[in-house]
Amino acid sequence: MELEPIFLRLAPSDIALVKFVFESYEGVAVVRTVDRHAAEIVALVSRDFLAVARAILADLSERIPLAEIPRPPEAGDDWLMRVLDDDS
């Protein structure tokens, strides 16, 4: 399964909400915290569900402030991101 990373910055208090919402859509994405202090997360989205994930993010952005960001340098510190990088 190929995963597409979508990096986001949001309020620290909203990280759990975003994780919960994506978890409720089983199989769409896995959400990992890249930097909890900077409130940066990555949604590792199955390419088959990229449109669904984008729709979820569009809806969330109407409810909470969040922004898509470029890949932070700290993202390589996460073991799962390293595995995905090795696979590509």
N, C-alpha and C. Protein backbone atom coordinates (compact mmCIF):
# COMPACT_ATOMS: atom_id res chain seq x y z
N MET A 1 0.85 -1.18 0.00
CA MET A 1 0.00 0.00 0.00
C MET A 1 0.89 1.24 0.00
N GLU A 2 0.63 2.16 -0.91
CA GLU A 2 1.39 3.39 -0.97
C GLU A 2 0.70 4.47 -0.15
N LEU A 3 1.50 5.22 0.60
CA LEU A 3 0.98 6.27 1.45
C LEU A 3 1.47 7.62 0.98
N GLU A 4 0.59 8.59 1.04
CA GLU A 4 0.88 9.97 0.67
C GLU A 4 0.90 10.79 1.97
N PRO A 5 2.04 11.41 2.32
CA PRO A 5 2.06 12.21 3.55
C PRO A 5 1.47 13.60 3.32
N ILE A 6 0.64 14.02 4.25
CA ILE A 6 0.11 15.38 4.26
C ILE A 6 0.51 15.96 5.62
N PHE A 7 1.40 16.95 5.59
CA PHE A 7 1.90 17.57 6.81
C PHE A 7 1.02 18.76 7.16
N LEU A 8 0.71 18.87 8.46
CA LEU A 8 -0.20 19.92 8.93
C LEU A 8 0.35 20.59 10.18
N ARG A 9 0.01 21.86 10.34
CA ARG A 9 0.27 22.59 11.58
C ARG A 9 -1.08 23.04 12.11
N LEU A 10 -1.28 22.84 13.40
CA LEU A 10 -2.54 23.19 14.03
C LEU A 10 -2.29 23.51 15.50
N ALA A 11 -3.31 23.87 16.21
CA ALA A 11 -3.16 24.14 17.64
C ALA A 11 -2.88 22.82 18.37
N PRO A 12 -1.99 22.85 19.35
CA PRO A 12 -1.69 21.62 20.09
C PRO A 12 -2.94 20.95 20.66
N SER A 13 -3.89 21.75 21.08
CA SER A 13 -5.11 21.18 21.66
C SER A 13 -5.98 20.47 20.63
N ASP A 14 -5.73 20.67 19.33
CA ASP A 14 -6.53 20.04 18.28
C ASP A 14 -5.91 18.77 17.71
N ILE A 15 -4.69 18.43 18.14
CA ILE A 15 -4.03 17.23 17.61
C ILE A 15 -4.86 15.98 17.87
N ALA A 16 -5.33 15.81 19.08
CA ALA A 16 -6.11 14.62 19.43
C ALA A 16 -7.40 14.55 18.61
N LEU A 17 -8.05 15.68 18.38
CA LEU A 17 -9.26 15.70 17.58
C LEU A 17 -9.00 15.20 16.16
N VAL A 18 -7.95 15.72 15.53
CA VAL A 18 -7.64 15.33 14.15
C VAL A 18 -7.30 13.84 14.10
N LYS A 19 -6.53 13.36 15.07
CA LYS A 19 -6.21 11.93 15.11
C LYS A 19 -7.49 11.10 15.26
N PHE A 20 -8.36 11.52 16.15
CA PHE A 20 -9.61 10.79 16.38
C PHE A 20 -10.47 10.75 15.12
N VAL A 21 -10.60 11.88 14.45
CA VAL A 21 -11.43 11.94 13.24
C VAL A 21 -10.89 10.98 12.18
N PHE A 22 -9.58 11.03 11.93
CA PHE A 22 -9.02 10.12 10.93
C PHE A 22 -9.14 8.66 11.35
N GLU A 23 -8.96 8.37 12.63
CA GLU A 23 -9.11 6.99 13.09
C GLU A 23 -10.53 6.48 12.91
N SER A 24 -11.51 7.39 12.97
CA SER A 24 -12.90 6.96 12.80
C SER A 24 -13.21 6.57 11.36
N TYR A 25 -12.39 7.03 10.42
CA TYR A 25 -12.50 6.63 9.02
C TYR A 25 -11.45 5.54 8.77
N GLU A 26 -11.73 4.36 9.23
CA GLU A 26 -10.76 3.26 9.20
C GLU A 26 -10.19 3.04 7.80
N GLY A 27 -8.87 2.96 7.73
CA GLY A 27 -8.21 2.68 6.47
C GLY A 27 -7.85 3.90 5.63
N VAL A 28 -8.30 5.08 6.02
CA VAL A 28 -8.02 6.29 5.23
C VAL A 28 -6.62 6.80 5.50
N ALA A 29 -6.25 6.92 6.77
CA ALA A 29 -4.95 7.49 7.11
C ALA A 29 -4.51 7.08 8.50
N VAL A 30 -3.22 7.17 8.70
CA VAL A 30 -2.61 7.05 10.02
C VAL A 30 -2.03 8.42 10.32
N VAL A 31 -2.33 8.94 11.50
CA VAL A 31 -1.84 10.26 11.87
C VAL A 31 -0.73 10.10 12.90
N ARG A 32 0.39 10.75 12.63
CA ARG A 32 1.55 10.72 13.52
C ARG A 32 1.90 12.16 13.91
N THR A 33 2.35 12.34 15.13
CA THR A 33 2.82 13.64 15.57
C THR A 33 4.29 13.78 15.18
N VAL A 34 4.59 14.81 14.43
CA VAL A 34 5.97 15.09 14.02
C VAL A 34 6.68 15.89 15.11
N ASP A 35 6.01 16.94 15.59
CA ASP A 35 6.57 17.80 16.63
C ASP A 35 5.42 18.32 17.48
N ARG A 36 5.31 17.78 18.69
CA ARG A 36 4.15 18.15 19.52
C ARG A 36 4.25 19.59 20.01
N HIS A 37 5.46 20.11 20.18
CA HIS A 37 5.62 21.49 20.64
C HIS A 37 5.24 22.49 19.55
N ALA A 38 5.59 22.18 18.31
CA ALA A 38 5.22 23.04 17.19
C ALA A 38 3.84 22.68 16.65
N ALA A 39 3.23 21.63 17.20
CA ALA A 39 1.92 21.14 16.77
C ALA A 39 1.91 20.82 15.29
N GLU A 40 2.90 20.03 14.87
CA GLU A 40 2.99 19.57 13.48
C GLU A 40 2.73 18.07 13.45
N ILE A 41 1.83 17.68 12.57
CA ILE A 41 1.47 16.27 12.42
C ILE A 41 1.56 15.88 10.95
N VAL A 42 1.54 14.58 10.72
CA VAL A 42 1.47 14.09 9.35
C VAL A 42 0.34 13.08 9.27
N ALA A 43 -0.48 13.22 8.25
CA ALA A 43 -1.49 12.21 7.93
C ALA A 43 -0.90 11.38 6.80
N LEU A 44 -0.66 10.12 7.08
CA LEU A 44 -0.14 9.19 6.06
C LEU A 44 -1.36 8.55 5.42
N VAL A 45 -1.69 9.04 4.25
CA VAL A 45 -2.95 8.72 3.59
C VAL A 45 -2.75 7.65 2.53
N SER A 46 -3.59 6.65 2.56
CA SER A 46 -3.59 5.65 1.49
C SER A 46 -3.97 6.37 0.20
N ARG A 47 -3.19 6.15 -0.84
CA ARG A 47 -3.45 6.86 -2.11
C ARG A 47 -4.85 6.59 -2.64
N ASP A 48 -5.41 5.43 -2.32
CA ASP A 48 -6.78 5.12 -2.75
C ASP A 48 -7.81 6.02 -2.06
N PHE A 49 -7.44 6.59 -0.92
CA PHE A 49 -8.38 7.41 -0.16
C PHE A 49 -7.95 8.87 -0.08
N LEU A 50 -7.10 9.30 -0.99
CA LEU A 50 -6.60 10.67 -0.95
C LEU A 50 -7.72 11.70 -1.07
N ALA A 51 -8.68 11.47 -1.93
CA ALA A 51 -9.81 12.40 -2.09
C ALA A 51 -10.64 12.46 -0.80
N VAL A 52 -10.83 11.33 -0.16
CA VAL A 52 -11.58 11.28 1.10
C VAL A 52 -10.82 12.06 2.17
N ALA A 53 -9.51 11.85 2.27
CA ALA A 53 -8.70 12.55 3.27
C ALA A 53 -8.75 14.06 3.03
N ARG A 54 -8.65 14.47 1.78
CA ARG A 54 -8.71 15.91 1.47
C ARG A 54 -10.08 16.48 1.86
N ALA A 55 -11.14 15.72 1.67
CA ALA A 55 -12.48 16.18 2.06
C ALA A 55 -12.58 16.29 3.58
N ILE A 56 -12.00 15.34 4.29
CA ILE A 56 -11.99 15.41 5.76
C ILE A 56 -11.24 16.65 6.21
N LEU A 57 -10.09 16.91 5.62
CA LEU A 57 -9.31 18.09 5.99
C LEU A 57 -10.04 19.39 5.65
N ALA A 58 -10.72 19.41 4.52
CA ALA A 58 -11.49 20.61 4.16
C ALA A 58 -12.58 20.88 5.19
N ASP A 59 -13.26 19.82 5.64
CA ASP A 59 -14.29 19.99 6.65
C ASP A 59 -13.69 20.43 7.98
N LEU A 60 -12.58 19.79 8.37
CA LEU A 60 -11.93 20.17 9.63
C LEU A 60 -11.47 21.61 9.60
N SER A 61 -10.97 22.08 8.46
CA SER A 61 -10.45 23.45 8.37
C SER A 61 -11.54 24.50 8.54
N GLU A 62 -12.81 24.09 8.37
CA GLU A 62 -13.91 25.01 8.62
C GLU A 62 -14.25 25.08 10.11
N ARG A 63 -13.74 24.13 10.88
CA ARG A 63 -14.05 24.04 12.30
C ARG A 63 -12.89 24.43 13.20
N ILE A 64 -11.66 24.15 12.74
CA ILE A 64 -10.48 24.47 13.53
C ILE A 64 -9.41 25.06 12.60
N PRO A 65 -8.55 25.92 13.12
CA PRO A 65 -7.48 26.43 12.27
C PRO A 65 -6.41 25.36 12.05
N LEU A 66 -6.14 25.07 10.78
CA LEU A 66 -5.07 24.15 10.42
C LEU A 66 -4.52 24.56 9.08
N ALA A 67 -3.25 24.24 8.86
CA ALA A 67 -2.60 24.63 7.61
C ALA A 67 -1.73 23.49 7.13
N GLU A 68 -1.79 23.23 5.83
CA GLU A 68 -0.88 22.26 5.24
C GLU A 68 0.48 22.93 5.10
N ILE A 69 1.52 22.20 5.47
CA ILE A 69 2.87 22.75 5.47
C ILE A 69 3.80 21.82 4.69
N PRO A 70 4.96 22.34 4.27
CA PRO A 70 5.95 21.45 3.66
C PRO A 70 6.50 20.48 4.70
N ARG A 71 7.10 19.42 4.23
CA ARG A 71 7.67 18.42 5.13
C ARG A 71 8.70 19.06 6.07
N PRO A 72 8.47 18.99 7.39
CA PRO A 72 9.44 19.54 8.33
C PRO A 72 10.68 18.63 8.41
N PRO A 73 11.85 19.20 8.69
CA PRO A 73 13.06 18.38 8.79
C PRO A 73 12.95 17.31 9.87
N GLU A 74 12.18 17.58 10.93
CA GLU A 74 12.04 16.63 12.04
C GLU A 74 11.26 15.38 11.64
N ALA A 75 10.60 15.40 10.51
CA ALA A 75 9.77 14.26 10.09
C ALA A 75 10.60 13.00 9.92
N GLY A 76 11.87 13.14 9.57
CA GLY A 76 12.72 11.98 9.40
C GLY A 76 13.08 11.30 10.70
N ASP A 77 12.80 11.93 11.83
CA ASP A 77 13.09 11.34 13.14
C ASP A 77 12.09 10.24 13.52
N ASP A 78 10.94 10.23 12.89
CA ASP A 78 9.91 9.24 13.19
C ASP A 78 10.25 7.92 12.48
N TRP A 79 10.20 6.83 13.20
CA TRP A 79 10.60 5.53 12.62
C TRP A 79 9.73 5.16 11.43
N LEU A 80 8.45 5.46 11.47
CA LEU A 80 7.57 5.11 10.36
C LEU A 80 7.91 5.92 9.12
N MET A 81 8.22 7.19 9.30
CA MET A 81 8.59 8.03 8.16
C MET A 81 9.90 7.52 7.54
N ARG A 82 10.84 7.07 8.38
CA ARG A 82 12.10 6.53 7.85
C ARG A 82 11.84 5.27 7.03
N VAL A 83 10.95 4.41 7.51
CA VAL A 83 10.61 3.19 6.78
C VAL A 83 9.98 3.55 5.43
N LEU A 84 9.08 4.52 5.42
CA LEU A 84 8.43 4.93 4.18
C LEU A 84 9.44 5.54 3.22
N ASP A 85 10.37 6.33 3.75
CA ASP A 85 11.41 6.91 2.89
C ASP A 85 12.27 5.84 2.28
N ASP A 86 12.59 4.81 3.06
CA ASP A 86 13.42 3.70 2.56
C ASP A 86 12.71 2.92 1.46
N ASP A 87 11.38 2.85 1.54
CA ASP A 87 10.60 2.10 0.55
C ASP A 87 10.45 2.84 -0.77
N SER A 88 10.63 4.16 -0.76
CA SER A 88 10.41 4.92 -2.01
C SER A 88 11.64 5.06 -2.83
